C-alpha cells in the first residue's frame, strides 16, 4: 500500500481528459422563458442536414454525391460517411444566422437513429466554430480567421 498510493498519485497527474460540457434540450420551460426567442436546431438525418427554428425547417442540405468527392475513406480504409455531409454549406448558413443574431450562443444538434458518432462530432465542430478566409490586400496573403458561432451546444434525438 505504501508504494501503491504514491505511484497512483504520480500517474494521476500525467493522465488528462478533455471534457466537453453539453446540455440536454429543455422541455416546455417556465412561463417566463416562453418569449419569442430564436431557437437554432441542426437536425442530422440519413439523407442530409436540416436547420430549423423549432417550428419550421429553414434550410435543407442533402448528402453530397460520392463521385464528387476526392475520397470517402479514412486513413484506415473505412468508409467515412461524415464526408458526405455538406459541412461547409452548413457553416456558411450558420455564419449568416450569427450575423443577424450576434449575441446568440446556443444551438441544438438533433440526431436520427443510426447516425455514426463521427458525423455527430463533425457537425458539432461545424456548429461551434468555422474558419473564414479574409482576402489580403494586394500583394499580401489571404488570412484564415476562426469565427466562433454557437459554442453552447445541446444534443438530442431528432423528431
Protein backbone atom coordinates (compact mmCIF):
# COMPACT_ATOMS: atom_id res chain seq x y z
CA UNK A 1 0.00 0.00 0.00
CA UNK A 2 2.84 2.40 0.82
CA UNK A 3 4.26 2.00 -2.70
CA UNK A 4 0.91 1.87 -4.48
CA UNK A 5 -0.52 5.15 -3.17
CA UNK A 6 2.40 7.38 -4.28
CA UNK A 7 2.52 5.58 -7.63
CA UNK A 8 -1.17 6.25 -8.26
CA UNK A 9 -0.83 9.89 -7.19
CA UNK A 10 2.11 10.45 -9.53
CA UNK A 11 0.45 8.83 -12.55
CA UNK A 12 -2.83 10.65 -11.93
CA UNK A 13 -1.08 13.96 -12.59
CA UNK A 14 0.01 12.86 -16.07
CA UNK A 15 -3.33 11.48 -17.21
CA UNK A 16 -5.57 14.11 -18.74
CA UNK A 17 -9.10 14.06 -20.01
CA UNK A 18 -10.75 16.61 -22.22
CA UNK A 19 -14.35 17.19 -21.30
CA UNK A 20 -16.87 19.00 -23.46
CA UNK A 21 -19.77 20.36 -21.47
CA UNK A 22 -23.11 19.69 -23.12
CA UNK A 23 -26.66 20.25 -22.01
CA UNK A 24 -29.86 18.50 -22.89
CA UNK A 25 -32.62 20.49 -24.57
CA UNK A 26 -35.20 21.66 -22.07
CA UNK A 27 -38.83 20.69 -22.35
CA UNK A 28 -41.62 23.21 -22.02
CA UNK A 29 -39.69 25.55 -19.74
CA UNK A 30 -41.08 28.13 -17.39
CA UNK A 31 -43.71 30.68 -18.48
CA UNK A 32 -41.15 33.49 -18.30
CA UNK A 33 -38.95 31.71 -20.85
CA UNK A 34 -41.80 31.44 -23.36
CA UNK A 35 -40.79 34.72 -25.01
CA UNK A 36 -40.18 34.68 -28.73
CA UNK A 37 -36.51 33.75 -28.88
CA UNK A 38 -34.62 32.26 -31.77
CA UNK A 39 -34.06 28.55 -31.43
CA UNK A 40 -31.47 27.02 -33.74
CA UNK A 41 -31.88 23.30 -34.39
CA UNK A 42 -29.44 21.42 -36.59
CA UNK A 43 -31.08 18.10 -37.44
CA UNK A 44 -28.82 15.39 -38.83
CA UNK A 45 -30.75 12.84 -40.88
CA UNK A 46 -29.75 9.87 -43.02
CA UNK A 47 -30.50 11.94 -46.16
CA UNK A 48 -28.77 15.17 -45.09
CA UNK A 49 -28.84 18.07 -42.67
CA UNK A 50 -31.77 20.34 -41.85
CA UNK A 51 -31.69 23.65 -39.99
CA UNK A 52 -34.85 24.66 -38.18
CA UNK A 53 -36.09 27.14 -35.63
CA UNK A 54 -38.21 24.72 -33.62
CA UNK A 55 -41.34 25.35 -35.69
CA UNK A 56 -40.26 25.03 -39.30
CA UNK A 57 -37.33 23.93 -41.42
CA UNK A 58 -35.28 26.90 -42.62
CA UNK A 59 -32.84 25.04 -44.88
CA UNK A 60 -32.03 21.53 -46.11
CA UNK A 61 -28.62 20.34 -47.24
CA UNK A 62 -28.75 16.92 -48.94
CA UNK A 63 -25.84 14.50 -48.86
CA UNK A 64 -23.03 15.11 -51.33
CA UNK A 65 -22.61 12.60 -54.13
CA UNK A 66 -19.70 10.23 -53.62
CA UNK A 67 -18.40 10.76 -57.15
CA UNK A 68 -17.91 14.50 -56.49
CA UNK A 69 -15.60 13.85 -53.52
CA UNK A 70 -11.91 13.07 -53.83
CA UNK A 71 -12.01 10.37 -51.17
CA UNK A 72 -14.69 8.90 -48.95
CA UNK A 73 -12.43 6.60 -46.93
CA UNK A 74 -10.41 7.49 -43.86
CA UNK A 75 -6.80 6.63 -43.02
CA UNK A 76 -7.67 3.05 -42.05
CA UNK A 77 -9.56 2.40 -45.30
CA UNK A 78 -13.00 2.53 -43.65
CA UNK A 79 -15.80 4.34 -45.48
CA UNK A 80 -16.20 7.77 -43.84
CA UNK A 81 -19.88 8.76 -44.07
CA UNK A 82 -19.20 12.11 -42.38
CA UNK A 83 -17.54 13.39 -45.57
CA UNK A 84 -20.87 13.07 -47.38
CA UNK A 85 -22.47 15.80 -45.25
CA UNK A 86 -22.01 19.34 -46.60
CA UNK A 87 -20.50 20.94 -43.50
CA UNK A 88 -19.10 23.94 -45.42
CA UNK A 89 -22.58 24.92 -46.56
CA UNK A 90 -23.87 24.35 -43.02
CA UNK A 91 -21.17 26.67 -41.65
CA UNK A 92 -21.97 29.35 -44.23
CA UNK A 93 -25.66 29.26 -43.31
CA UNK A 94 -24.82 29.46 -39.60
CA UNK A 95 -22.50 32.43 -40.27
CA UNK A 96 -25.49 34.23 -41.82
CA UNK A 97 -27.62 33.47 -38.75
CA UNK A 98 -24.80 34.60 -36.44
CA UNK A 99 -24.58 37.87 -38.39
CA UNK A 100 -28.27 38.55 -37.68
CA UNK A 101 -28.13 37.40 -34.05
CA UNK A 102 -24.58 38.11 -32.77
CA UNK A 103 -25.45 37.56 -29.09
CA UNK A 104 -26.91 34.10 -29.68
CA UNK A 105 -24.52 31.42 -28.37
CA UNK A 106 -26.65 28.28 -28.08
CA UNK A 107 -27.80 25.74 -30.64
CA UNK A 108 -29.29 22.26 -30.54
CA UNK A 109 -27.96 19.34 -32.57
CA UNK A 110 -30.56 16.61 -33.05
CA UNK A 111 -29.62 13.22 -34.49
CA UNK A 112 -31.66 10.49 -36.13
CA UNK A 113 -31.07 6.94 -35.03
CA UNK A 114 -28.18 5.03 -36.66
CA UNK A 115 -26.08 8.12 -37.41
CA UNK A 116 -22.37 7.49 -36.89
CA UNK A 117 -20.66 9.10 -33.92
CA UNK A 118 -18.07 10.62 -36.27
CA UNK A 119 -20.84 12.55 -38.03
CA UNK A 120 -22.07 13.94 -34.69
CA UNK A 121 -18.59 15.18 -33.77
CA UNK A 122 -18.02 16.80 -37.18
CA UNK A 123 -21.42 18.52 -37.13
CA UNK A 124 -20.83 19.77 -33.57
CA UNK A 125 -17.46 21.17 -34.65
CA UNK A 126 -19.10 22.95 -37.60
CA UNK A 127 -21.81 24.42 -35.35
CA UNK A 128 -19.32 25.53 -32.69
CA UNK A 129 -16.83 27.37 -34.94
CA UNK A 130 -15.58 27.70 -38.51
CA UNK A 131 -12.77 29.30 -40.43
CA UNK A 132 -13.38 32.27 -42.72
CA UNK A 133 -10.91 33.29 -45.39
CA UNK A 134 -10.27 37.03 -45.47
CA UNK A 135 -8.79 38.49 -48.62
CA UNK A 136 -5.41 40.10 -48.07
CA UNK A 137 -4.51 43.43 -49.59
CA UNK A 138 -2.80 43.44 -52.96
CA UNK A 139 0.47 41.56 -52.63
CA UNK A 140 -0.45 40.08 -49.25
CA UNK A 141 -1.59 36.56 -48.49
CA UNK A 142 -5.12 35.64 -47.53
CA UNK A 143 -5.74 35.10 -43.82
CA UNK A 144 -7.81 32.31 -42.25
CA UNK A 145 -9.66 33.55 -39.20
CA UNK A 146 -11.58 31.31 -36.81
CA UNK A 147 -15.12 32.53 -36.13
CA UNK A 148 -16.96 31.27 -33.06
CA UNK A 149 -20.57 30.55 -33.99
CA UNK A 150 -22.63 28.73 -31.34
CA UNK A 151 -20.36 27.23 -28.65
CA UNK A 152 -23.17 26.23 -26.25
CA UNK A 153 -24.45 23.03 -27.85
CA UNK A 154 -27.28 20.81 -26.67
CA UNK A 155 -27.76 17.36 -28.15
CA UNK A 156 -30.82 15.18 -28.50
CA UNK A 157 -32.83 12.81 -30.70
CA UNK A 158 -34.35 14.11 -33.91
CA UNK A 159 -38.13 14.18 -34.18
